[in-house]
Amino acid sequence: KTGTHTDDGGSIFTLDDGKYVEANLKGKMLSVKKFGAKGDNTSDDTARIQAAADYVANDSSGKLGLGFGNSGVYLISQLNTRFSERTIDMTGAVLRPTVENQFMWEHHGLLTEWIKGKIEPSGQTPTTEYWGIRVSNDATTNQSGENSFDKTYFAGCSRSLEFFMDNAFGACYRHTLLKVKTAGNSDTLAGSFGIAFKGAAANDSAGNDSKVISCAIKNSLYNIFSQNSLGLKLSLTYSDGGTNGVWYEGGSHLDIIGCYLENNNVGLRRVGGADLVKIIGGSFSNTTNLVGSAGSGLRDTIVGVVNLIESSPSKEVTGGGILKLGWSNGAMIGETDGSLNDAEGLQVDNSGVTGVQAYPTIGEMVYHLNASKTINIRTG
């Protein structure tokens, strides 16, 4: 062909006589290797992968995905992608961020499916700041929602996977994480996290109606960080060895179902009015299991969680309006201060609430054979 063109190294190639040829890249998945990415753990593949991603974004069929050829170790400084309703298949590939203090991959778009892959910087130490992937809305795409991550593994990143909301534009919502694993390189490094739902401004939320299912998050300052999220659900998830197993700031309707929060300094920390937490099943075994700031913990429900209340009740700081049902090691869950004892069967605790009327709903009567008090209701 003749005429004006740009040689992108993958879909268009300039010939010696000035003419050009277009490659046939039709199909369901475009390998970054078609654009010259080497995956040899030596070459910087950023430009080649970016060119492949740009081609996918401009594909008129709207069906072409981005793949990594089922193999290779790719060195990447920073990618910036903008497309929706596509698949990014990282199966068999290792992606290595090479520049500290910036995300290796910034993505903006709806309904993007991320499959497998491993994100792992090389030679990381407890002081290095290599970051993984951030999904966010921006001025170009306006919103970013319903991204899904399946079996993706982040190893040694100080910040692994972030969903980010910018107040100025659109929304970032309804993401699903399935069997995602993160292993941070330090649980004390400032700002480090495994999975985060964050906003640029005080009231921004990136985690509305998002789901974290069967994930394992370890060794970060915030293993799971949620800021002003509404309807975030954690299910069958393991949070271990962090300074904070779950940091829940603002927002409401956080569900923690069948999760294991263990070996963290604080299991669940509620900050800035975070309320309507529902904890059902699972196990808590941390230095301190629950901590809540003023105004947090209103209308919480805790049902049948093993080891949630420590032998020293003073370790737990909660607000009011809490409905607790269940047993812990033979004792009823329900202690919040030294005036209560393990013999109480069902507790609705509204004490300590100032200027707020909470209405916990009792949907089930619990009978405890040895309880001296079957039902205990305290009001402020």
Protein backbone atom coordinates (compact mmCIF):
# COMPACT_ATOMS: atom_id res chain seq x y z
CA LYS A 1 0.00 0.00 0.00
CA THR A 2 0.98 3.62 -0.40
CA GLY A 3 0.08 6.78 1.46
CA THR A 4 0.42 8.29 4.90
CA HIS A 5 0.87 5.72 7.63
CA THR A 6 2.55 5.04 10.96
CA ASP A 7 4.71 2.00 11.48
CA ASP A 8 3.62 0.65 14.88
CA GLY A 9 5.79 -2.44 14.78
CA GLY A 10 2.84 -4.79 14.96
CA SER A 11 -0.03 -4.00 12.60
CA ILE A 12 1.64 -1.69 10.04
CA PHE A 13 5.17 -2.11 8.65
CA THR A 14 7.02 0.32 6.35
CA LEU A 15 8.85 -1.33 3.44
CA ASP A 16 12.17 -0.19 2.00
CA ASP A 17 10.49 1.54 -0.97
CA GLY A 18 8.26 3.67 1.29
CA LYS A 19 5.19 1.57 0.81
CA TYR A 20 3.66 -0.28 3.72
CA VAL A 21 1.91 -3.51 4.54
CA GLU A 22 -0.85 -4.20 7.05
CA ALA A 23 -0.75 -7.37 9.10
CA ASN A 24 -3.84 -9.56 9.48
CA LEU A 25 -4.47 -9.49 13.23
CA LYS A 26 -8.03 -10.72 13.22
CA GLY A 27 -9.03 -13.05 16.05
CA LYS A 28 -10.11 -13.03 19.68
CA MET A 29 -6.74 -12.38 21.32
CA LEU A 30 -3.79 -10.26 20.21
CA SER A 31 -0.46 -11.34 21.67
CA VAL A 32 1.88 -8.54 22.68
CA LYS A 33 4.60 -10.60 20.97
CA LYS A 34 3.02 -9.65 17.63
CA PHE A 35 4.21 -6.13 18.41
CA GLY A 36 7.72 -7.24 19.27
CA ALA A 37 7.46 -7.71 23.05
CA LYS A 38 10.21 -10.15 24.01
CA GLY A 39 9.38 -11.25 27.53
CA ASP A 40 13.02 -12.17 28.08
CA ASN A 41 13.41 -10.54 31.54
CA THR A 42 16.03 -8.23 30.02
CA SER A 43 14.38 -5.97 27.43
CA ASP A 44 12.08 -3.10 28.37
CA ASP A 45 8.80 -4.17 26.74
CA THR A 46 6.73 -1.13 27.77
CA ALA A 47 6.47 0.53 24.34
CA ARG A 48 5.73 -2.74 22.55
CA ILE A 49 2.97 -3.73 24.97
CA GLN A 50 1.52 -0.20 24.88
CA ALA A 51 1.38 -0.36 21.07
CA ALA A 52 -0.47 -3.67 21.22
CA ALA A 53 -2.89 -2.27 23.81
CA ASP A 54 -3.55 0.81 21.66
CA TYR A 55 -4.33 -1.45 18.71
CA VAL A 56 -6.81 -3.39 20.86
CA ALA A 57 -8.43 -0.15 21.99
CA ASN A 58 -8.92 0.96 18.38
CA ASP A 59 -10.16 -2.39 17.07
CA SER A 60 -13.47 -1.75 15.38
CA SER A 61 -14.89 -5.18 16.14
CA GLY A 62 -14.90 -4.44 19.86
CA LYS A 63 -14.02 -8.08 20.58
CA LEU A 64 -10.23 -8.25 20.37
CA GLY A 65 -8.44 -8.96 23.66
CA LEU A 66 -4.86 -8.50 24.80
CA GLY A 67 -2.68 -11.53 25.57
CA PHE A 68 0.89 -12.31 26.55
CA GLY A 69 1.51 -15.49 24.57
CA ASN A 70 1.20 -17.79 27.62
CA SER A 71 4.81 -17.21 28.62
CA GLY A 72 7.57 -14.69 29.30
CA VAL A 73 8.86 -12.25 31.91
CA TYR A 74 8.04 -8.69 30.80
CA LEU A 75 9.79 -5.61 32.17
CA ILE A 76 7.40 -2.64 32.29
CA SER A 77 7.82 0.96 33.43
CA GLN A 78 4.23 2.20 33.03
CA LEU A 79 1.31 1.25 30.78
CA ASN A 80 -1.80 3.39 30.32
CA THR A 81 -4.77 1.65 28.69
CA ARG A 82 -8.27 2.84 27.84
CA PHE A 83 -10.77 0.33 26.54
CA SER A 84 -13.94 -1.45 27.67
CA GLU A 85 -15.52 -4.87 27.29
CA ARG A 86 -12.22 -6.58 26.54
CA THR A 87 -10.14 -9.39 28.05
CA ILE A 88 -6.56 -9.07 29.26
CA ASP A 89 -5.14 -12.60 29.45
CA MET A 90 -1.87 -12.72 31.42
CA THR A 91 -1.84 -16.52 31.78
CA GLY A 92 1.71 -17.84 32.03
CA ALA A 93 3.29 -14.37 32.10
CA VAL A 94 5.22 -12.51 34.79
CA LEU A 95 4.99 -8.70 34.66
CA ARG A 96 7.75 -6.84 36.46
CA PRO A 97 7.46 -3.12 37.34
CA THR A 98 10.79 -1.37 36.89
CA VAL A 99 10.10 2.16 38.20
CA GLU A 100 9.32 2.85 41.85
CA ASN A 101 6.49 5.03 43.19
CA GLN A 102 4.17 4.68 40.23
CA PHE A 103 1.70 2.04 39.12
CA MET A 104 3.06 -0.36 36.53
CA TRP A 105 -0.33 -0.38 34.82
CA GLU A 106 -3.07 2.28 34.85
CA HIS A 107 -6.33 1.11 33.27
CA HIS A 108 -9.55 3.01 32.56
CA GLY A 109 -12.64 1.28 31.25
CA LEU A 110 -15.73 -0.82 31.84
CA LEU A 111 -16.19 -4.59 31.87
CA THR A 112 -12.53 -5.50 31.53
CA GLU A 113 -11.70 -9.09 32.42
CA TRP A 114 -8.19 -9.71 33.79
CA ILE A 115 -7.14 -13.37 33.77
CA LYS A 116 -4.34 -14.92 35.83
CA GLY A 117 -0.76 -13.70 35.51
CA LYS A 118 1.80 -12.70 38.13
CA ILE A 119 2.99 -9.19 38.98
CA GLU A 120 6.32 -9.38 40.75
CA PRO A 121 9.20 -6.89 40.92
CA SER A 122 12.63 -8.44 41.13
CA GLY A 123 14.98 -7.95 44.09
CA GLN A 124 12.35 -6.21 46.23
CA THR A 125 13.22 -5.32 49.84
CA PRO A 126 11.06 -3.96 52.69
CA THR A 127 11.95 -0.42 51.58
CA THR A 128 11.21 -0.65 47.83
CA GLU A 129 8.08 0.98 46.39
CA TYR A 130 7.08 -1.01 43.31
CA TRP A 131 3.36 -0.73 42.59
CA GLY A 132 1.12 -3.06 40.58
CA ILE A 133 -2.17 -2.22 38.82
CA ARG A 134 -4.61 0.65 39.28
CA VAL A 135 -8.11 0.68 37.75
CA SER A 136 -9.72 4.12 37.76
CA ASN A 137 -12.08 6.54 36.08
CA ASP A 138 -10.73 9.67 34.40
CA ALA A 139 -11.67 12.58 32.17
CA THR A 140 -11.27 10.49 29.02
CA THR A 141 -13.49 7.52 29.84
CA ASN A 142 -15.61 9.14 32.59
CA GLN A 143 -16.14 5.89 34.43
CA SER A 144 -14.51 2.58 35.20
CA GLY A 145 -16.63 -0.26 36.47
CA GLU A 146 -17.24 -3.99 36.58
CA ASN A 147 -13.63 -4.98 36.08
CA SER A 148 -12.93 -8.55 37.18
CA PHE A 149 -9.67 -10.14 38.28
CA ASP A 150 -9.42 -13.94 38.26
CA LYS A 151 -6.50 -15.78 39.90
CA THR A 152 -4.09 -12.86 39.56
CA TYR A 153 -1.06 -12.95 41.89
CA PHE A 154 0.82 -9.93 43.21
CA ALA A 155 4.10 -10.77 44.98
CA GLY A 156 6.37 -8.20 46.63
CA CYS A 157 4.53 -5.05 45.51
CA SER A 158 4.20 -2.39 48.20
CA ARG A 159 0.88 -1.43 46.57
CA SER A 160 -0.65 -4.30 44.64
CA LEU A 161 -4.13 -3.61 43.27
CA GLU A 162 -6.04 -0.33 43.59
CA PHE A 163 -9.49 0.78 42.44
CA PHE A 164 -9.46 4.57 42.37
CA MET A 165 -12.29 7.12 42.18
CA ASP A 166 -11.70 10.69 41.01
CA ASN A 167 -14.46 12.98 42.26
CA ALA A 168 -14.38 15.11 39.12
CA PHE A 169 -15.51 12.42 36.71
CA GLY A 170 -18.01 9.56 36.59
CA ALA A 171 -17.66 6.53 38.83
CA CYS A 172 -15.61 3.47 39.65
CA TYR A 173 -17.81 0.62 40.87
CA ARG A 174 -18.92 -3.05 40.92
CA HIS A 175 -15.56 -4.75 40.60
CA THR A 176 -15.11 -8.47 41.30
CA LEU A 177 -11.94 -10.13 42.57
CA LEU A 178 -11.87 -13.93 42.51
CA LYS A 179 -8.98 -15.93 43.98
CA VAL A 180 -6.62 -12.93 43.81
CA LYS A 181 -3.47 -13.25 45.95
CA THR A 182 -1.22 -10.48 47.22
CA ALA A 183 1.92 -10.82 49.33
CA GLY A 184 3.26 -7.39 50.26
CA ASN A 185 6.92 -6.73 50.96
CA SER A 186 6.31 -4.85 54.24
CA ASP A 187 3.47 -4.44 56.74
CA THR A 188 4.88 -1.13 58.00
CA LEU A 189 5.80 0.66 54.75
CA ALA A 190 3.76 3.88 54.61
CA GLY A 191 0.73 3.59 52.36
CA SER A 192 1.30 -0.04 51.45
CA PHE A 193 -1.76 -2.18 50.67
CA GLY A 194 -2.83 -5.44 49.11
CA ILE A 195 -6.23 -4.44 47.73
CA ALA A 196 -7.54 -0.88 48.01
CA PHE A 197 -10.74 0.94 47.11
CA LYS A 198 -9.76 4.62 47.33
CA GLY A 199 -10.90 8.09 46.36
CA ALA A 200 -9.12 11.31 45.46
CA ALA A 201 -11.37 13.40 47.72
CA ALA A 202 -12.98 12.82 51.10
CA ASN A 203 -16.32 11.55 49.79
CA ASP A 204 -15.13 9.59 46.75
CA SER A 205 -15.78 5.86 46.67
CA ALA A 206 -14.35 3.26 44.31
CA GLY A 207 -15.73 0.13 45.93
CA ASN A 208 -19.51 0.45 45.67
CA ASP A 209 -21.09 -3.00 45.23
CA SER A 210 -17.67 -4.61 44.72
CA LYS A 211 -16.87 -8.21 45.70
CA VAL A 212 -13.71 -9.83 47.02
CA ILE A 213 -14.16 -13.62 46.87
CA SER A 214 -11.76 -16.39 47.93
CA CYS A 215 -8.78 -14.04 47.96
CA ALA A 216 -5.63 -14.18 50.11
CA ILE A 217 -3.96 -10.92 51.17
CA LYS A 218 -0.84 -10.79 53.32
CA ASN A 219 1.83 -8.55 54.84
CA SER A 220 0.75 -4.96 54.13
CA LEU A 221 0.03 -1.90 56.23
CA TYR A 222 -3.54 -2.23 54.92
CA ASN A 223 -4.27 -5.71 53.62
CA ILE A 224 -7.70 -4.54 52.48
CA PHE A 225 -8.40 -0.78 52.40
CA SER A 226 -11.90 0.61 51.84
CA GLN A 227 -12.71 4.33 51.73
CA ASN A 228 -16.38 5.43 51.70
CA SER A 229 -17.45 2.26 49.92
CA LEU A 230 -21.14 1.31 49.92
CA GLY A 231 -22.01 -2.36 49.68
CA LEU A 232 -18.50 -3.86 49.63
CA LYS A 233 -18.60 -7.63 50.20
CA LEU A 234 -15.71 -9.79 51.40
CA SER A 235 -16.40 -13.53 51.15
CA LEU A 236 -14.28 -16.57 52.02
CA THR A 237 -11.21 -14.33 52.07
CA TYR A 238 -8.02 -14.63 54.13
CA SER A 239 -6.21 -11.56 55.50
CA ASP A 240 -2.98 -12.35 57.35
CA GLY A 241 0.11 -10.69 58.80
CA GLY A 242 -0.82 -7.07 58.15
CA THR A 243 -0.87 -4.03 60.39
CA ASN A 244 -4.58 -3.78 59.51
CA GLY A 245 -6.41 -6.83 58.21
CA VAL A 246 -9.28 -4.65 56.96
CA TRP A 247 -9.33 -0.84 57.14
CA TYR A 248 -12.91 0.39 56.71
CA GLU A 249 -13.12 4.18 56.48
CA GLY A 250 -16.49 5.87 56.16
CA GLY A 251 -19.14 4.19 54.05
CA SER A 252 -21.62 1.55 55.08
CA HIS A 253 -22.94 -1.94 54.36
CA LEU A 254 -19.66 -3.83 54.57
CA ASP A 255 -20.24 -7.60 54.60
CA ILE A 256 -17.51 -9.93 55.87
CA ILE A 257 -18.82 -13.45 55.27
CA GLY A 258 -16.88 -16.57 56.18
CA CYS A 259 -13.53 -14.75 56.20
CA TYR A 260 -10.39 -15.41 58.22
CA LEU A 261 -8.61 -12.37 59.64
CA GLU A 262 -5.57 -13.69 61.47
CA ASN A 263 -2.15 -12.58 62.72
CA ASN A 264 -2.83 -8.91 61.99
CA ASN A 265 -2.10 -6.15 64.49
CA VAL A 266 -5.76 -5.08 64.11
CA GLY A 267 -8.27 -7.38 62.44
CA LEU A 268 -10.95 -4.85 61.47
CA ARG A 269 -10.42 -1.11 62.02
CA ARG A 270 -13.45 1.14 61.47
CA VAL A 271 -12.71 4.83 60.95
CA GLY A 272 -14.76 7.98 60.47
CA GLY A 273 -18.34 6.88 60.94
CA ALA A 274 -18.09 3.50 59.20
CA ASP A 275 -21.22 1.56 60.10
CA LEU A 276 -23.59 -1.23 59.09
CA VAL A 277 -20.86 -3.88 59.20
CA LYS A 278 -22.11 -7.45 58.98
CA ILE A 279 -19.68 -10.18 60.09
CA ILE A 280 -21.00 -13.71 59.68
CA GLY A 281 -18.98 -16.88 60.26
CA GLY A 282 -15.25 -17.22 59.79
CA SER A 283 -12.60 -16.50 62.39
CA PHE A 284 -10.75 -13.56 63.90
CA SER A 285 -7.43 -14.15 65.66
CA ASN A 286 -5.38 -10.95 65.81
CA THR A 287 -3.51 -8.89 68.39
CA THR A 288 -6.64 -6.72 68.54
CA ASN A 289 -9.68 -7.95 66.67
CA LEU A 290 -11.92 -4.88 66.42
CA VAL A 291 -11.13 -1.18 66.75
CA GLY A 292 -13.58 1.61 65.97
CA SER A 293 -13.28 5.39 66.12
CA ALA A 294 -16.03 7.67 67.44
CA GLY A 295 -19.21 7.23 65.42
CA SER A 296 -18.15 3.92 63.93
CA GLY A 297 -19.78 0.58 64.60
CA LEU A 298 -23.40 1.77 64.55
CA ARG A 299 -25.91 -0.89 63.51
CA ASP A 300 -23.32 -3.65 63.22
CA THR A 301 -24.26 -7.33 63.19
CA ILE A 302 -21.86 -10.07 64.28
CA VAL A 303 -23.05 -13.67 64.02
CA GLY A 304 -21.20 -16.85 64.96
CA VAL A 305 -17.61 -15.67 64.50
CA VAL A 306 -14.93 -17.78 66.16
CA ASN A 307 -12.48 -15.98 68.47
CA LEU A 308 -13.91 -12.53 67.79
CA ILE A 309 -13.98 -11.44 71.42
CA GLU A 310 -10.65 -11.68 73.20
CA SER A 311 -10.15 -12.76 76.78
CA SER A 312 -9.63 -9.08 77.61
CA PRO A 313 -12.77 -7.21 76.46
CA SER A 314 -11.00 -3.85 76.74
CA LYS A 315 -9.23 -4.62 73.48
CA GLU A 316 -12.47 -4.13 71.59
CA VAL A 317 -13.70 -0.59 70.97
CA THR A 318 -17.16 -0.33 69.41
CA GLY A 319 -20.04 2.07 69.01
CA GLY A 320 -23.69 1.28 69.69
CA GLY A 321 -26.55 -0.41 67.90
CA ILE A 322 -24.71 -3.71 67.68
CA LEU A 323 -26.54 -7.01 67.33
CA LYS A 324 -24.37 -10.00 68.20
CA LEU A 325 -25.37 -13.64 68.03
CA GLY A 326 -23.29 -16.77 68.41
CA TRP A 327 -20.61 -18.48 70.43
CA SER A 328 -16.85 -18.17 70.66
CA ASN A 329 -15.00 -21.09 72.21
CA GLY A 330 -18.05 -22.00 74.28
CA ALA A 331 -18.83 -18.41 75.31
CA MET A 332 -21.42 -16.11 73.82
CA ILE A 333 -20.14 -13.39 71.54
CA GLY A 334 -21.34 -10.13 72.98
CA GLU A 335 -18.76 -8.64 75.30
CA THR A 336 -17.85 -5.00 74.80
CA ASP A 337 -16.89 -3.98 78.30
CA GLY A 338 -16.11 -5.47 81.68
CA SER A 339 -19.68 -5.16 82.93
CA LEU A 340 -20.92 -7.93 80.64
CA ASN A 341 -20.09 -11.58 80.92
CA ASP A 342 -19.98 -14.66 78.74
CA ALA A 343 -23.22 -16.03 80.17
CA GLU A 344 -25.37 -13.58 78.22
CA GLY A 345 -27.12 -15.17 75.28
CA LEU A 346 -28.17 -12.33 72.96
CA GLN A 347 -26.95 -8.76 73.16
CA VAL A 348 -28.33 -5.62 71.57
CA ASP A 349 -25.96 -2.88 72.68
CA ASN A 350 -27.15 0.67 72.17
CA SER A 351 -25.11 2.18 74.99
CA GLY A 352 -22.68 4.96 74.28
CA VAL A 353 -24.72 6.33 71.39
CA THR A 354 -25.16 10.09 71.57
CA GLY A 355 -27.67 11.80 69.30
CA VAL A 356 -28.17 8.66 67.21
CA GLN A 357 -31.02 6.18 67.44
CA ALA A 358 -30.04 2.79 66.08
CA TYR A 359 -32.62 0.11 65.31
CA PRO A 360 -31.05 -3.34 65.20
CA THR A 361 -33.42 -6.02 63.95
CA ILE A 362 -33.65 -9.33 65.77
CA GLY A 363 -34.63 -11.92 63.21
CA GLU A 364 -33.72 -15.01 65.20
CA MET A 365 -34.10 -16.01 68.83
CA VAL A 366 -31.01 -17.62 70.24
CA TYR A 367 -31.33 -20.04 73.11
CA HIS A 368 -28.19 -20.70 75.11
CA LEU A 369 -28.60 -23.66 77.44
CA ASN A 370 -26.38 -22.31 80.20
CA ALA A 371 -27.14 -18.61 79.85
CA SER A 372 -28.14 -16.82 83.01
CA LYS A 373 -29.45 -14.03 80.78
CA THR A 374 -30.98 -15.17 77.50
CA ILE A 375 -31.54 -11.65 76.17
CA ASN A 376 -29.75 -8.49 77.25
CA ILE A 377 -30.72 -5.10 75.81
CA ARG A 378 -28.84 -1.96 76.83
CA THR A 379 -29.83 1.56 75.80
CA GLY A 380 -27.96 4.83 75.97
